[in-house]
Amino acid sequence: MFYQSINVPVIWEIEHGALRSLNQIISKNNLYFKYKVLVTSYSLYQLYFKLFSSLCFDQIIYIEGGSFEEINNLGRVEHVTNSLFFAFGGGSIIDAMKLYAQLNDLNYITIPSTLSNDALFSPVARLNKRGIKRSFGVKEPLGIIADLDIIKQSPSVLLLAGVGDLVSNLSAIKDWNLSNKETEEPINNFAMSLAYLSASSIVNNDVDNVYNSDFLKRLGNGLVMSGLAMILARNTRPASGAEHLISHAIDELYPQRATMHGIQVAYGQLIIEKYFRNDFKEYNHLKVFFSKIGLYQEIKSRCIFSDSEIHTILEKAKVIRNRYTILDLSTVEHTLIDI
């Protein structure tokens, strides 16, 4: 008999005060390394100086994050085989750590300072290379330790971006099914189910406060499950469809006006449901949820494009990568697009 094997997190902790228990968490999960190396930004280290000092890291590497060139120039760290790396920060720092680990064959754990996207546990890192955002295949972390006390201190817009990134799975799997029907692209039903369940766990939630502890746990669990779905599928299909292509097109066409990835994919999802799928029931359901949680307001204030610019974005999205989506099946007339 044949089975598919996948890597799952050795550690997954999302609790209040989790970071204070970091050494105990590592020990109880039988991860024994001689050295502990922290990778974070200088500002974040200073913000949590007392906490990090008590955890006794052997080395600290400061990075800005988000740049391929920065990581490519860091060089190889000493004692690689005996070191466990900890990436503390938002998506840009975690993605940078993922690429750093890929280039140097490092073992690492992510410690998110916020929950802004599914980079927590995914096989992809998005970094700027020569000023343009690119995707890189990377090794996933050994585990994730998310401290709700820290996450609750992050700006709400970052958490809302995480909501947008996760909920967009519902659009992505529609495109995956469409591609299966139109091009016979294979589907991994297990990966698709994980992607669907992870998004449904929050979009069907009555909470109207993004800082609610139960909601944050659902969001964190959902983002990790989303990453696991991509690892299982061996590509980003479970969590990336036409809505992501729209976000990537914005990044490439209007980099100075681009905003957070999760905000842009939520914007793209509303456009896709309303103007391409003509699924007004789903569109209204999303709009009500996004409005209740505060995401719709962020989309309206941050994704500001003229009608001609939106059509340019949609045309670019169709060709920005080789992925069959609803964009290939239908078009939108040059009329005003309003979400």
C-alpha atoms as a PDB file:
ATOM      1  CA  MET A   1       0.000   0.000   0.000  1.00  0.00           C
ATOM      2  CA  PHE A   2       1.117   3.560  -0.704  1.00  0.00           C
ATOM      3  CA  TYR A   3       0.786   6.596   1.527  1.00  0.00           C
ATOM      4  CA  GLN A   4       1.775  10.223   1.189  1.00  0.00           C
ATOM      5  CA  SER A   5       4.038  11.443   3.955  1.00  0.00           C
ATOM      6  CA  ILE A   6       4.173  15.101   4.956  1.00  0.00           C
ATOM      7  CA  ASN A   7       6.006  17.175   7.536  1.00  0.00           C
ATOM      8  CA  VAL A   8       3.812  18.461  10.340  1.00  0.00           C
ATOM      9  CA  PRO A   9       4.958  20.891  13.050  1.00  0.00           C
ATOM     10  CA  VAL A  10       6.846  19.234  15.876  1.00  0.00           C
ATOM     11  CA  ILE A  11       5.610  22.101  18.039  1.00  0.00           C
ATOM     12  CA  TRP A  12       2.411  24.112  17.768  1.00  0.00           C
ATOM     13  CA  GLU A  13       1.663  26.290  20.785  1.00  0.00           C
ATOM     14  CA  ILE A  14      -0.754  29.208  20.765  1.00  0.00           C
ATOM     15  CA  GLU A  15      -1.413  30.368  24.294  1.00  0.00           C
ATOM     16  CA  HIS A  16      -1.113  33.372  26.557  1.00  0.00           C
ATOM     17  CA  GLY A  17       2.447  33.590  27.888  1.00  0.00           C
ATOM     18  CA  ALA A  18       3.766  30.931  25.510  1.00  0.00           C
ATOM     19  CA  LEU A  19       7.046  32.751  24.817  1.00  0.00           C
ATOM     20  CA  ARG A  20       7.914  32.888  28.511  1.00  0.00           C
ATOM     21  CA  SER A  21       7.782  29.085  28.468  1.00  0.00           C
ATOM     22  CA  LEU A  22       9.933  28.736  25.352  1.00  0.00           C
ATOM     23  CA  ASN A  23      12.736  26.731  26.991  1.00  0.00           C
ATOM     24  CA  GLN A  24      10.283  24.349  28.639  1.00  0.00           C
ATOM     25  CA  ILE A  25       8.385  23.899  25.358  1.00  0.00           C
ATOM     26  CA  ILE A  26      11.607  23.034  23.519  1.00  0.00           C
ATOM     27  CA  SER A  27      12.646  20.607  26.219  1.00  0.00           C
ATOM     28  CA  LYS A  28       9.340  18.759  26.496  1.00  0.00           C
ATOM     29  CA  ASN A  29       9.345  18.234  22.723  1.00  0.00           C
ATOM     30  CA  ASN A  30      12.826  16.652  22.892  1.00  0.00           C
ATOM     31  CA  LEU A  31      14.562  19.231  20.721  1.00  0.00           C
ATOM     32  CA  TYR A  32      18.148  19.302  21.938  1.00  0.00           C
ATOM     33  CA  PHE A  33      20.502  21.857  20.400  1.00  0.00           C
ATOM     34  CA  LYS A  34      23.634  23.366  21.930  1.00  0.00           C
ATOM     35  CA  TYR A  35      22.932  26.886  20.712  1.00  0.00           C
ATOM     36  CA  LYS A  36      19.823  29.047  20.466  1.00  0.00           C
ATOM     37  CA  VAL A  37      19.925  31.819  17.870  1.00  0.00           C
ATOM     38  CA  LEU A  38      17.318  34.582  17.720  1.00  0.00           C
ATOM     39  CA  VAL A  39      16.571  36.252  14.381  1.00  0.00           C
ATOM     40  CA  THR A  40      14.507  39.428  14.703  1.00  0.00           C
ATOM     41  CA  SER A  41      14.541  43.163  14.107  1.00  0.00           C
ATOM     42  CA  TYR A  42      16.419  45.488  16.439  1.00  0.00           C
ATOM     43  CA  SER A  43      13.234  47.385  17.303  1.00  0.00           C
ATOM     44  CA  LEU A  44      11.348  44.229  18.263  1.00  0.00           C
ATOM     45  CA  TYR A  45      14.260  43.032  20.390  1.00  0.00           C
ATOM     46  CA  GLN A  46      14.334  46.326  22.252  1.00  0.00           C
ATOM     47  CA  LEU A  47      10.564  46.216  22.746  1.00  0.00           C
ATOM     48  CA  TYR A  48      10.765  42.792  24.403  1.00  0.00           C
ATOM     49  CA  PHE A  49      14.284  43.142  25.815  1.00  0.00           C
ATOM     50  CA  LYS A  50      13.512  41.852  29.326  1.00  0.00           C
ATOM     51  CA  LEU A  51      11.711  38.798  28.011  1.00  0.00           C
ATOM     52  CA  PHE A  52      14.435  37.890  25.515  1.00  0.00           C
ATOM     53  CA  SER A  53      17.173  38.450  28.091  1.00  0.00           C
ATOM     54  CA  SER A  54      15.555  35.902  30.369  1.00  0.00           C
ATOM     55  CA  LEU A  55      15.524  33.302  27.586  1.00  0.00           C
ATOM     56  CA  CYS A  56      19.339  33.415  27.242  1.00  0.00           C
ATOM     57  CA  PHE A  57      19.924  33.263  23.490  1.00  0.00           C
ATOM     58  CA  ASP A  58      23.508  32.482  22.467  1.00  0.00           C
ATOM     59  CA  GLN A  59      23.408  34.756  19.436  1.00  0.00           C
ATOM     60  CA  ILE A  60      21.117  37.433  18.058  1.00  0.00           C
ATOM     61  CA  ILE A  61      20.892  38.296  14.362  1.00  0.00           C
ATOM     62  CA  TYR A  62      19.141  41.548  13.506  1.00  0.00           C
ATOM     63  CA  ILE A  63      17.382  41.811  10.160  1.00  0.00           C
ATOM     64  CA  GLU A  64      14.876  44.166   8.582  1.00  0.00           C
ATOM     65  CA  GLY A  65      13.149  41.329   6.715  1.00  0.00           C
ATOM     66  CA  GLY A  66      11.366  41.204   3.405  1.00  0.00           C
ATOM     67  CA  SER A  67      14.477  41.492   1.210  1.00  0.00           C
ATOM     68  CA  PHE A  68      16.187  38.710  -0.725  1.00  0.00           C
ATOM     69  CA  GLU A  69      19.391  40.756  -0.957  1.00  0.00           C
ATOM     70  CA  GLU A  70      19.612  41.216   2.825  1.00  0.00           C
ATOM     71  CA  ILE A  71      19.308  37.494   3.491  1.00  0.00           C
ATOM     72  CA  ASN A  72      21.586  36.510   0.621  1.00  0.00           C
ATOM     73  CA  ASN A  73      24.323  38.739   2.071  1.00  0.00           C
ATOM     74  CA  LEU A  74      24.104  37.541   5.679  1.00  0.00           C
ATOM     75  CA  GLY A  75      26.430  34.628   5.017  1.00  0.00           C
ATOM     76  CA  ARG A  76      26.613  31.306   6.795  1.00  0.00           C
ATOM     77  CA  VAL A  77      26.281  31.176  10.577  1.00  0.00           C
ATOM     78  CA  GLU A  78      28.742  29.242  12.723  1.00  0.00           C
ATOM     79  CA  HIS A  79      27.655  26.064  14.533  1.00  0.00           C
ATOM     80  CA  VAL A  80      24.791  25.499  12.073  1.00  0.00           C
ATOM     81  CA  THR A  81      24.330  21.816  12.901  1.00  0.00           C
ATOM     82  CA  ASN A  82      24.186  22.502  16.645  1.00  0.00           C
ATOM     83  CA  SER A  83      21.919  25.554  16.501  1.00  0.00           C
ATOM     84  CA  LEU A  84      18.172  26.005  16.665  1.00  0.00           C
ATOM     85  CA  PHE A  85      17.031  29.299  15.159  1.00  0.00           C
ATOM     86  CA  PHE A  86      14.001  31.284  16.314  1.00  0.00           C
ATOM     87  CA  ALA A  87      12.404  33.828  13.981  1.00  0.00           C
ATOM     88  CA  PHE A  88      10.474  36.456  15.930  1.00  0.00           C
ATOM     89  CA  GLY A  89       8.450  39.003  14.012  1.00  0.00           C
ATOM     90  CA  GLY A  90       5.801  39.517  11.383  1.00  0.00           C
ATOM     91  CA  GLY A  91       5.503  38.000   7.934  1.00  0.00           C
ATOM     92  CA  SER A  92       8.514  39.823   6.457  1.00  0.00           C
ATOM     93  CA  ILE A  93      10.910  38.553   9.128  1.00  0.00           C
ATOM     94  CA  ILE A  94       9.455  35.043   9.126  1.00  0.00           C
ATOM     95  CA  ASP A  95       9.670  34.840   5.331  1.00  0.00           C
ATOM     96  CA  ALA A  96      13.259  36.067   5.492  1.00  0.00           C
ATOM     97  CA  MET A  97      14.088  33.392   8.068  1.00  0.00           C
ATOM     98  CA  LYS A  98      12.497  30.740   5.865  1.00  0.00           C
ATOM     99  CA  LEU A  99      14.722  31.677   2.943  1.00  0.00           C
ATOM    100  CA  TYR A 100      17.767  31.926   5.245  1.00  0.00           C
ATOM    101  CA  ALA A 101      17.026  28.430   6.506  1.00  0.00           C
ATOM    102  CA  GLN A 102      16.634  27.151   2.950  1.00  0.00           C
ATOM    103  CA  LEU A 103      19.959  28.633   1.834  1.00  0.00           C
ATOM    104  CA  ASN A 104      21.880  27.377   4.884  1.00  0.00           C
ATOM    105  CA  ASP A 105      19.997  24.188   5.823  1.00  0.00           C
ATOM    106  CA  LEU A 106      18.959  25.500   9.239  1.00  0.00           C
ATOM    107  CA  ASN A 107      16.516  24.165  11.804  1.00  0.00           C
ATOM    108  CA  TYR A 108      14.172  26.883  12.951  1.00  0.00           C
ATOM    109  CA  ILE A 109      10.973  27.747  14.800  1.00  0.00           C
ATOM    110  CA  THR A 110       8.732  30.705  14.030  1.00  0.00           C
ATOM    111  CA  ILE A 111       7.497  32.994  16.794  1.00  0.00           C
ATOM    112  CA  PRO A 112       4.992  35.365  15.173  1.00  0.00           C
ATOM    113  CA  SER A 113       4.560  38.822  16.669  1.00  0.00           C
ATOM    114  CA  THR A 114       1.278  39.016  14.781  1.00  0.00           C
ATOM    115  CA  LEU A 115      -0.962  36.803  12.636  1.00  0.00           C
ATOM    116  CA  SER A 116      -0.889  38.626   9.316  1.00  0.00           C
ATOM    117  CA  ASN A 117      -0.656  35.723   6.820  1.00  0.00           C
ATOM    118  CA  ASP A 118      -0.178  31.972   6.421  1.00  0.00           C
ATOM    119  CA  ALA A 119       3.616  32.283   6.276  1.00  0.00           C
ATOM    120  CA  LEU A 120       3.665  30.753   9.765  1.00  0.00           C
ATOM    121  CA  PHE A 121       3.904  27.258   8.301  1.00  0.00           C
ATOM    122  CA  SER A 122       4.098  27.207   4.546  1.00  0.00           C
ATOM    123  CA  PRO A 123       6.565  26.114   1.843  1.00  0.00           C
ATOM    124  CA  VAL A 124       6.729  29.583   0.271  1.00  0.00           C
ATOM    125  CA  ALA A 125       8.418  32.872   1.180  1.00  0.00           C
ATOM    126  CA  ARG A 126       7.530  36.194  -0.474  1.00  0.00           C
ATOM    127  CA  LEU A 127      10.485  38.580  -0.588  1.00  0.00           C
ATOM    128  CA  ASN A 128      11.507  41.628  -2.590  1.00  0.00           C
ATOM    129  CA  LYS A 129      14.256  40.857  -5.090  1.00  0.00           C
ATOM    130  CA  ARG A 130      15.623  43.873  -6.947  1.00  0.00           C
ATOM    131  CA  GLY A 131      12.535  45.805  -5.893  1.00  0.00           C
ATOM    132  CA  ILE A 132       9.981  43.242  -7.088  1.00  0.00           C
ATOM    133  CA  LYS A 133       8.161  40.780  -4.847  1.00  0.00           C
ATOM    134  CA  ARG A 134       8.993  37.174  -5.707  1.00  0.00           C
ATOM    135  CA  SER A 135       8.010  33.759  -4.360  1.00  0.00           C
ATOM    136  CA  PHE A 136      10.667  31.308  -3.181  1.00  0.00           C
ATOM    137  CA  GLY A 137      10.273  27.648  -2.313  1.00  0.00           C
ATOM    138  CA  VAL A 138      11.546  27.112   1.232  1.00  0.00           C
ATOM    139  CA  LYS A 139      11.681  24.548   4.009  1.00  0.00           C
ATOM    140  CA  GLU A 140       8.937  24.755   6.604  1.00  0.00           C
ATOM    141  CA  PRO A 141       9.771  25.328  10.311  1.00  0.00           C
ATOM    142  CA  LEU A 142      10.048  22.635  12.958  1.00  0.00           C
ATOM    143  CA  GLY A 143       7.290  24.390  14.827  1.00  0.00           C
ATOM    144  CA  ILE A 144       5.408  27.536  15.746  1.00  0.00           C
ATOM    145  CA  ILE A 145       5.120  29.202  19.145  1.00  0.00           C
ATOM    146  CA  ALA A 146       2.504  31.960  19.207  1.00  0.00           C
ATOM    147  CA  ASP A 147       2.134  34.042  22.360  1.00  0.00           C
ATOM    148  CA  LEU A 148      -1.328  35.614  22.488  1.00  0.00           C
ATOM    149  CA  ASP A 149      -0.101  38.276  24.926  1.00  0.00           C
ATOM    150  CA  ILE A 150       2.290  39.516  22.236  1.00  0.00           C
ATOM    151  CA  ILE A 151      -0.081  39.040  19.306  1.00  0.00           C
ATOM    152  CA  LYS A 152      -2.718  41.126  21.073  1.00  0.00           C
ATOM    153  CA  GLN A 153      -0.279  44.052  21.064  1.00  0.00           C
ATOM    154  CA  SER A 154       0.007  44.052  17.275  1.00  0.00           C
ATOM    155  CA  PRO A 155      -1.936  46.610  15.218  1.00  0.00           C
ATOM    156  CA  SER A 156      -5.415  45.414  14.304  1.00  0.00           C
ATOM    157  CA  VAL A 157      -4.763  45.925  10.580  1.00  0.00           C
ATOM    158  CA  LEU A 158      -2.109  43.183  10.666  1.00  0.00           C
ATOM    159  CA  LEU A 159      -4.559  40.735  12.218  1.00  0.00           C
ATOM    160  CA  LEU A 160      -7.189  41.753   9.678  1.00  0.00           C
ATOM    161  CA  ALA A 161      -4.678  41.017   6.923  1.00  0.00           C
ATOM    162  CA  GLY A 162      -4.361  37.523   8.388  1.00  0.00           C
ATOM    163  CA  VAL A 163      -8.129  37.175   8.265  1.00  0.00           C
ATOM    164  CA  GLY A 164      -8.138  38.211   4.610  1.00  0.00           C
ATOM    165  CA  ASP A 165      -5.375  35.795   3.686  1.00  0.00           C
ATOM    166  CA  LEU A 166      -7.117  32.877   5.387  1.00  0.00           C
ATOM    167  CA  VAL A 167     -10.653  33.568   4.147  1.00  0.00           C
ATOM    168  CA  SER A 168      -9.337  33.787   0.568  1.00  0.00           C
ATOM    169  CA  ASN A 169      -8.910  29.992   0.706  1.00  0.00           C
ATOM    170  CA  LEU A 170     -12.636  29.782  -0.065  1.00  0.00           C
ATOM    171  CA  SER A 171     -12.005  31.503  -3.378  1.00  0.00           C
ATOM    172  CA  ALA A 172      -8.807  29.578  -4.102  1.00  0.00           C
ATOM    173  CA  ILE A 173     -10.426  26.166  -3.843  1.00  0.00           C
ATOM    174  CA  LYS A 174     -13.198  27.265  -6.219  1.00  0.00           C
ATOM    175  CA  ASP A 175     -10.507  28.028  -8.779  1.00  0.00           C
ATOM    176  CA  TRP A 176      -8.835  24.691  -8.088  1.00  0.00           C
ATOM    177  CA  ASN A 177     -12.120  22.892  -8.758  1.00  0.00           C
ATOM    178  CA  LEU A 178     -12.639  24.981 -11.892  1.00  0.00           C
ATOM    179  CA  SER A 179      -9.177  24.107 -13.180  1.00  0.00           C
ATOM    180  CA  ASN A 180      -9.848  20.446 -12.522  1.00  0.00           C
ATOM    181  CA  LYS A 181     -13.005  20.680 -14.614  1.00  0.00           C
ATOM    182  CA  GLU A 182     -11.542  22.742 -17.463  1.00  0.00           C
ATOM    183  CA  THR A 183      -7.934  21.495 -17.650  1.00  0.00           C
ATOM    184  CA  GLU A 184      -8.019  18.224 -15.664  1.00  0.00           C
ATOM    185  CA  GLU A 185      -5.545  19.627 -13.139  1.00  0.00           C
ATOM    186  CA  PRO A 186      -5.315  17.034 -10.316  1.00  0.00           C
ATOM    187  CA  ILE A 187      -6.960  17.773  -6.991  1.00  0.00           C
ATOM    188  CA  ASN A 188      -5.789  16.685  -3.568  1.00  0.00           C
ATOM    189  CA  ASN A 189      -9.059  16.341  -1.660  1.00  0.00           C
ATOM    190  CA  PHE A 190      -7.365  16.199   1.730  1.00  0.00           C
ATOM    191  CA  ALA A 191      -5.469  19.439   1.092  1.00  0.00           C
ATOM    192  CA  MET A 192      -8.621  21.069  -0.247  1.00  0.00           C
ATOM    193  CA  SER A 193     -10.592  20.023   2.835  1.00  0.00           C
ATOM    194  CA  LEU A 194      -7.940  21.463   5.153  1.00  0.00           C
ATOM    195  CA  ALA A 195      -7.994  24.746   3.256  1.00  0.00           C
ATOM    196  CA  TYR A 196     -11.781  24.921   3.384  1.00  0.00           C
ATOM    197  CA  LEU A 197     -12.076  24.033   7.062  1.00  0.00           C
ATOM    198  CA  SER A 198      -9.376  26.492   8.081  1.00  0.00           C
ATOM    199  CA  ALA A 199     -11.187  29.394   6.361  1.00  0.00           C
ATOM    200  CA  SER A 200     -14.674  28.332   7.446  1.00  0.00           C
ATOM    201  CA  SER A 201     -13.578  28.284  11.079  1.00  0.00           C
ATOM    202  CA  ILE A 202     -13.434  32.069  11.144  1.00  0.00           C
ATOM    203  CA  VAL A 203     -15.708  33.328   8.356  1.00  0.00           C
ATOM    204  CA  ASN A 204     -18.696  31.697  10.040  1.00  0.00           C
ATOM    205  CA  ASN A 205     -17.835  33.284  13.378  1.00  0.00           C
ATOM    206  CA  ASP A 206     -20.020  35.887  15.091  1.00  0.00           C
ATOM    207  CA  VAL A 207     -17.098  37.639  16.801  1.00  0.00           C
ATOM    208  CA  ASP A 208     -16.798  41.346  15.949  1.00  0.00           C
ATOM    209  CA  ASN A 209     -13.543  41.973  17.860  1.00  0.00           C
ATOM    210  CA  VAL A 210     -10.353  40.842  16.179  1.00  0.00           C
ATOM    211  CA  TYR A 211      -8.582  40.800  19.558  1.00  0.00           C
ATOM    212  CA  ASN A 212     -10.922  38.182  21.033  1.00  0.00           C
ATOM    213  CA  SER A 213      -8.707  35.359  22.362  1.00  0.00           C
ATOM    214  CA  ASP A 214     -10.869  32.561  20.983  1.00  0.00           C
ATOM    215  CA  PHE A 215     -10.982  34.253  17.583  1.00  0.00           C
ATOM    216  CA  LEU A 216      -7.186  34.668  17.556  1.00  0.00           C
ATOM    217  CA  LYS A 217      -6.745  30.999  18.375  1.00  0.00           C
ATOM    218  CA  ARG A 218      -9.036  30.090  15.484  1.00  0.00           C
ATOM    219  CA  LEU A 219      -7.125  32.450  13.217  1.00  0.00           C
ATOM    220  CA  GLY A 220      -3.752  31.062  14.279  1.00  0.00           C
ATOM    221  CA  ASN A 221      -4.876  27.457  13.936  1.00  0.00           C
ATOM    222  CA  GLY A 222      -6.437  28.231  10.574  1.00  0.00           C
ATOM    223  CA  LEU A 223      -3.279  29.853   9.201  1.00  0.00           C
ATOM    224  CA  VAL A 224      -1.192  26.855  10.224  1.00  0.00           C
ATOM    225  CA  MET A 225      -3.714  24.443   8.694  1.00  0.00           C
ATOM    226  CA  SER A 226      -3.645  26.520   5.518  1.00  0.00           C
ATOM    227  CA  GLY A 227       0.121  26.187   5.355  1.00  0.00           C
ATOM    228  CA  LEU A 228      -0.170  22.463   5.977  1.00  0.00           C
ATOM    229  CA  ALA A 229      -2.651  22.192   3.097  1.00  0.00           C
ATOM    230  CA  MET A 230      -0.087  23.755   0.758  1.00  0.00           C
ATOM    231  CA  ILE A 231       2.616  21.387   1.954  1.00  0.00           C
ATOM    232  CA  LEU A 232       0.272  18.456   1.403  1.00  0.00           C
ATOM    233  CA  ALA A 233      -0.645  19.667  -2.099  1.00  0.00           C
ATOM    234  CA  ARG A 234       3.026  20.405  -2.826  1.00  0.00           C
ATOM    235  CA  ASN A 235       1.995  23.783  -4.221  1.00  0.00           C
ATOM    236  CA  THR A 236       0.009  26.853  -3.175  1.00  0.00           C
ATOM    237  CA  ARG A 237      -3.217  25.835  -4.939  1.00  0.00           C
ATOM    238  CA  PRO A 238      -5.279  25.319  -1.736  1.00  0.00           C
ATOM    239  CA  ALA A 239      -4.685  28.911  -0.676  1.00  0.00           C
ATOM    240  CA  SER A 240      -4.013  30.867  -3.851  1.00  0.00           C
ATOM    241  CA  GLY A 241      -6.383  31.556  -6.721  1.00  0.00           C
ATOM    242  CA  ALA A 242      -7.463  34.535  -8.792  1.00  0.00           C
ATOM    243  CA  GLU A 243      -7.628  36.744  -5.698  1.00  0.00           C
ATOM    244  CA  HIS A 244      -3.910  36.169  -5.090  1.00  0.00           C
ATOM    245  CA  LEU A 245      -3.104  36.874  -8.725  1.00  0.00           C
ATOM    246  CA  ILE A 246      -4.821  40.243  -8.301  1.00  0.00           C
ATOM    247  CA  SER A 247      -2.681  40.964  -5.236  1.00  0.00           C
ATOM    248  CA  HIS A 248       0.511  39.984  -7.063  1.00  0.00           C
ATOM    249  CA  ALA A 249      -0.500  42.205  -9.989  1.00  0.00           C
ATOM    250  CA  ILE A 250      -0.947  45.167  -7.629  1.00  0.00           C
ATOM    251  CA  ASP A 251       2.489  44.504  -6.133  1.00  0.00           C
ATOM    252  CA  GLU A 252       4.089  44.502  -9.570  1.00  0.00           C
ATOM    253  CA  LEU A 253       2.158  47.335 -11.224  1.00  0.00           C
ATOM    254  CA  TYR A 254       1.782  49.722  -8.289  1.00  0.00           C
ATOM    255  CA  PRO A 255       4.459  48.785  -5.710  1.00  0.00           C
ATOM    256  CA  GLN A 256       4.417  52.238  -4.107  1.00  0.00           C
ATOM    257  CA  ARG A 257       0.674  51.979  -3.478  1.00  0.00           C
ATOM    258  CA  ALA A 258       0.517  48.301  -2.559  1.00  0.00           C
ATOM    259  CA  THR A 259      -0.616  47.439   0.934  1.00  0.00           C
ATOM    260  CA  MET A 260      -0.567  44.276   3.029  1.00  0.00           C
ATOM    261  CA  HIS A 261      -0.994  41.033   1.149  1.00  0.00           C
ATOM    262  CA  GLY A 262      -4.012  39.871   3.167  1.00  0.00           C
ATOM    263  CA  ILE A 263      -5.857  43.154   2.608  1.00  0.00           C
ATOM    264  CA  GLN A 264      -5.235  42.915  -1.135  1.00  0.00           C
ATOM    265  CA  VAL A 265      -6.381  39.297  -1.469  1.00  0.00           C
ATOM    266  CA  ALA A 266      -9.577  40.131   0.430  1.00  0.00           C
ATOM    267  CA  TYR A 267     -10.104  42.993  -2.036  1.00  0.00           C
ATOM    268  CA  GLY A 268      -9.483  40.600  -4.891  1.00  0.00           C
ATOM    269  CA  GLN A 269     -11.868  38.045  -3.456  1.00  0.00           C
ATOM    270  CA  LEU A 270     -14.726  40.563  -3.342  1.00  0.00           C
ATOM    271  CA  ILE A 271     -14.064  41.560  -6.959  1.00  0.00           C
ATOM    272  CA  ILE A 272     -13.960  37.929  -8.083  1.00  0.00           C
ATOM    273  CA  GLU A 273     -17.191  36.930  -6.329  1.00  0.00           C
ATOM    274  CA  LYS A 274     -19.132  39.995  -7.487  1.00  0.00           C
ATOM    275  CA  TYR A 275     -17.914  40.511 -11.043  1.00  0.00           C
ATOM    276  CA  PHE A 276     -16.533  37.169 -12.234  1.00  0.00           C
ATOM    277  CA  ARG A 277     -18.468  34.470 -10.422  1.00  0.00           C
ATOM    278  CA  ASN A 278     -21.589  36.633 -10.022  1.00  0.00           C
ATOM    279  CA  ASP A 279     -22.122  34.900  -6.683  1.00  0.00           C
ATOM    280  CA  PHE A 280     -23.921  37.708  -4.891  1.00  0.00           C
ATOM    281  CA  LYS A 281     -24.877  35.509  -1.947  1.00  0.00           C
ATOM    282  CA  GLU A 282     -21.212  34.735  -1.242  1.00  0.00           C
ATOM    283  CA  TYR A 283     -20.217  38.333  -1.948  1.00  0.00           C
ATOM    284  CA  ASN A 284     -22.760  39.678   0.558  1.00  0.00           C
ATOM    285  CA  HIS A 285     -21.786  37.060   3.140  1.00  0.00           C
ATOM    286  CA  LEU A 286     -18.134  38.095   2.848  1.00  0.00           C
ATOM    287  CA  LYS A 287     -18.940  41.808   2.872  1.00  0.00           C
ATOM    288  CA  VAL A 288     -21.027  41.497   6.053  1.00  0.00           C
ATOM    289  CA  PHE A 289     -18.304  39.494   7.807  1.00  0.00           C
ATOM    290  CA  PHE A 290     -15.519  41.786   6.615  1.00  0.00           C
ATOM    291  CA  SER A 291     -17.508  44.836   7.748  1.00  0.00           C
ATOM    292  CA  LYS A 292     -18.263  43.355  11.172  1.00  0.00           C
ATOM    293  CA  ILE A 293     -14.624  42.517  11.857  1.00  0.00           C
ATOM    294  CA  GLY A 294     -13.290  45.806  10.409  1.00  0.00           C
ATOM    295  CA  LEU A 295     -11.599  44.358   7.326  1.00  0.00           C
ATOM    296  CA  TYR A 296     -13.921  45.939   4.760  1.00  0.00           C
ATOM    297  CA  GLN A 297     -13.113  49.395   6.076  1.00  0.00           C
ATOM    298  CA  GLU A 298      -9.381  48.718   5.684  1.00  0.00           C
ATOM    299  CA  ILE A 299      -9.898  47.483   2.120  1.00  0.00           C
ATOM    300  CA  LYS A 300     -11.812  50.643   1.188  1.00  0.00           C
ATOM    301  CA  SER A 301      -9.172  52.935   2.694  1.00  0.00           C
ATOM    302  CA  ARG A 302      -6.099  51.113   1.360  1.00  0.00           C
ATOM    303  CA  CYS A 303      -7.077  49.630  -2.028  1.00  0.00           C
ATOM    304  CA  ILE A 304      -7.782  52.805  -3.978  1.00  0.00           C
ATOM    305  CA  PHE A 305      -7.520  52.427  -7.737  1.00  0.00           C
ATOM    306  CA  SER A 306      -9.253  54.118 -10.620  1.00  0.00           C
ATOM    307  CA  ASP A 307     -11.527  52.099 -12.866  1.00  0.00           C
ATOM    308  CA  SER A 308      -8.894  51.944 -15.619  1.00  0.00           C
ATOM    309  CA  GLU A 309      -6.236  50.890 -13.107  1.00  0.00           C
ATOM    310  CA  ILE A 310      -8.437  48.061 -11.839  1.00  0.00           C
ATOM    311  CA  HIS A 311      -8.918  46.769 -15.368  1.00  0.00           C
ATOM    312  CA  THR A 312      -5.155  46.964 -15.915  1.00  0.00           C
ATOM    313  CA  ILE A 313      -4.653  44.997 -12.704  1.00  0.00           C
ATOM    314  CA  LEU A 314      -7.135  42.350 -13.847  1.00  0.00           C
ATOM    315  CA  GLU A 315      -5.440  42.007 -17.231  1.00  0.00           C
ATOM    316  CA  LYS A 316      -2.060  41.638 -15.553  1.00  0.00           C
ATOM    317  CA  ALA A 317      -3.459  39.112 -13.082  1.00  0.00           C
ATOM    318  CA  LYS A 318      -4.483  36.857 -15.969  1.00  0.00           C
ATOM    319  CA  VAL A 319      -0.914  36.465 -17.193  1.00  0.00           C
ATOM    320  CA  ILE A 320       1.223  37.041 -14.102  1.00  0.00           C
ATOM    321  CA  ARG A 321       1.670  33.291 -13.606  1.00  0.00           C
ATOM    322  CA  ASN A 322       0.679  30.035 -15.214  1.00  0.00           C
ATOM    323  CA  ARG A 323      -2.352  29.198 -13.059  1.00  0.00           C
ATOM    324  CA  TYR A 324      -5.845  28.549 -14.412  1.00  0.00           C
ATOM    325  CA  THR A 325      -8.531  30.523 -12.572  1.00  0.00           C
ATOM    326  CA  ILE A 326     -11.905  32.137 -13.162  1.00  0.00           C
ATOM    327  CA  LEU A 327      -9.964  34.990 -14.801  1.00  0.00           C
ATOM    328  CA  ASP A 328      -9.272  32.669 -17.744  1.00  0.00           C
ATOM    329  CA  LEU A 329     -12.917  31.762 -18.155  1.00  0.00           C
ATOM    330  CA  SER A 330     -14.633  35.133 -18.102  1.00  0.00           C
ATOM    331  CA  THR A 331     -14.019  38.842 -18.526  1.00  0.00           C
ATOM    332  CA  VAL A 332     -15.427  42.027 -17.072  1.00  0.00           C
ATOM    333  CA  GLU A 333     -16.655  44.808 -19.318  1.00  0.00           C
ATOM    334  CA  HIS A 334     -14.994  48.182 -18.905  1.00  0.00           C
ATOM    335  CA  THR A 335     -17.523  49.456 -16.420  1.00  0.00           C
ATOM    336  CA  LEU A 336     -17.076  50.874 -12.948  1.00  0.00           C
ATOM    337  CA  ILE A 337     -15.897  48.220 -10.503  1.00  0.00           C
ATOM    338  CA  ASP A 338     -16.994  48.975  -6.975  1.00  0.00           C
ATOM    339  CA  ILE A 339     -16.869  46.643  -4.003  1.00  0.00           C
END
